[in-house]
């Protein structure tokens, strides 16, 4: 599926999966350097951690808030 047909949750899940894959490849070795980049402070791994943190924060914020008023753009209920 392409992005226009995905929900926000599906897009966030794909971002999280991609970030986790990046972290698996860019983890520090025994010498403290990234195994892919060979640098001590891997900016790619830092960016992936930031993405995971943001995705988790958005998901927690979305589940913590409840809608009190009906969404005017949402489907209308007919009786």
Protein backbone atom coordinates (compact mmCIF):
# COMPACT_ATOMS: atom_id res chain seq x y z
CA UNK A 1 0.00 0.00 0.00
CA UNK A 2 1.06 3.54 -0.57
CA UNK A 3 1.02 6.31 1.98
CA UNK A 4 -2.24 8.06 0.98
CA UNK A 5 -4.14 4.90 1.85
CA UNK A 6 -2.48 4.30 5.23
CA UNK A 7 -3.79 5.47 8.57
CA UNK A 8 -1.64 7.53 10.92
CA UNK A 9 -1.13 4.46 13.11
CA UNK A 10 0.13 2.41 10.16
CA UNK A 11 2.55 5.15 9.14
CA UNK A 12 3.86 5.44 12.70
CA UNK A 13 4.31 1.67 12.89
CA UNK A 14 6.32 1.66 9.66
CA UNK A 15 8.50 4.49 10.94
CA UNK A 16 9.14 2.57 14.16
CA UNK A 17 10.02 -0.63 12.29
CA UNK A 18 12.43 1.26 10.06
CA UNK A 19 14.07 2.98 13.03
CA UNK A 20 14.50 -0.35 14.84
CA UNK A 21 16.11 -1.89 11.75
CA UNK A 22 18.52 1.04 11.52
CA UNK A 23 19.41 0.66 15.20
CA UNK A 24 20.19 -3.03 14.66
CA UNK A 25 22.68 -2.15 11.91
CA UNK A 26 24.16 0.90 13.63
CA UNK A 27 24.77 -0.46 17.12
CA UNK A 28 28.01 0.07 18.97
CA UNK A 29 30.62 -2.66 18.91
CA UNK A 30 32.92 -3.71 21.75
CA UNK A 31 35.19 -0.74 21.03
CA UNK A 32 32.27 1.73 21.38
CA UNK A 33 32.17 2.61 17.69
CA UNK A 34 29.25 2.11 15.34
CA UNK A 35 29.68 -1.12 13.37
CA UNK A 36 28.45 0.45 10.12
CA UNK A 37 29.87 4.00 10.34
CA UNK A 38 32.95 3.28 12.48
CA UNK A 39 32.47 6.45 14.52
CA UNK A 40 31.93 6.70 18.28
CA UNK A 41 28.82 8.95 18.14
CA UNK A 42 26.73 7.63 15.26
CA UNK A 43 24.35 10.35 14.08
CA UNK A 44 22.24 7.79 12.19
CA UNK A 45 21.56 5.83 15.38
CA UNK A 46 20.80 9.05 17.23
CA UNK A 47 18.26 10.05 14.58
CA UNK A 48 16.64 6.59 14.73
CA UNK A 49 16.37 6.86 18.53
CA UNK A 50 14.76 10.29 18.14
CA UNK A 51 12.22 8.86 15.69
CA UNK A 52 11.35 6.03 18.08
CA UNK A 53 10.99 8.46 20.96
CA UNK A 54 8.70 10.71 18.91
CA UNK A 55 6.55 7.81 17.68
CA UNK A 56 6.11 6.50 21.22
CA UNK A 57 5.26 9.99 22.47
CA UNK A 58 2.62 10.46 19.75
CA UNK A 59 1.07 7.06 20.43
CA UNK A 60 0.92 7.74 24.18
CA UNK A 61 -0.59 11.17 23.63
CA UNK A 62 -3.19 9.75 21.22
CA UNK A 63 -4.32 7.04 23.64
CA UNK A 64 -4.31 9.37 26.65
CA UNK A 65 -6.75 11.88 25.19
CA UNK A 66 -10.40 11.19 24.63
CA UNK A 67 -12.59 13.15 22.33
CA UNK A 68 -15.32 14.97 24.20
CA UNK A 69 -17.08 16.51 21.23
CA UNK A 70 -17.90 14.70 17.99
CA UNK A 71 -15.54 15.36 15.12
CA UNK A 72 -17.29 17.64 12.61
CA UNK A 73 -15.36 16.02 9.75
CA UNK A 74 -16.18 12.49 10.88
CA UNK A 75 -19.01 10.35 9.61
CA UNK A 76 -22.46 11.52 10.65
CA UNK A 77 -24.79 9.12 12.43
CA UNK A 78 -28.29 8.88 11.01
CA UNK A 79 -31.27 7.61 12.96
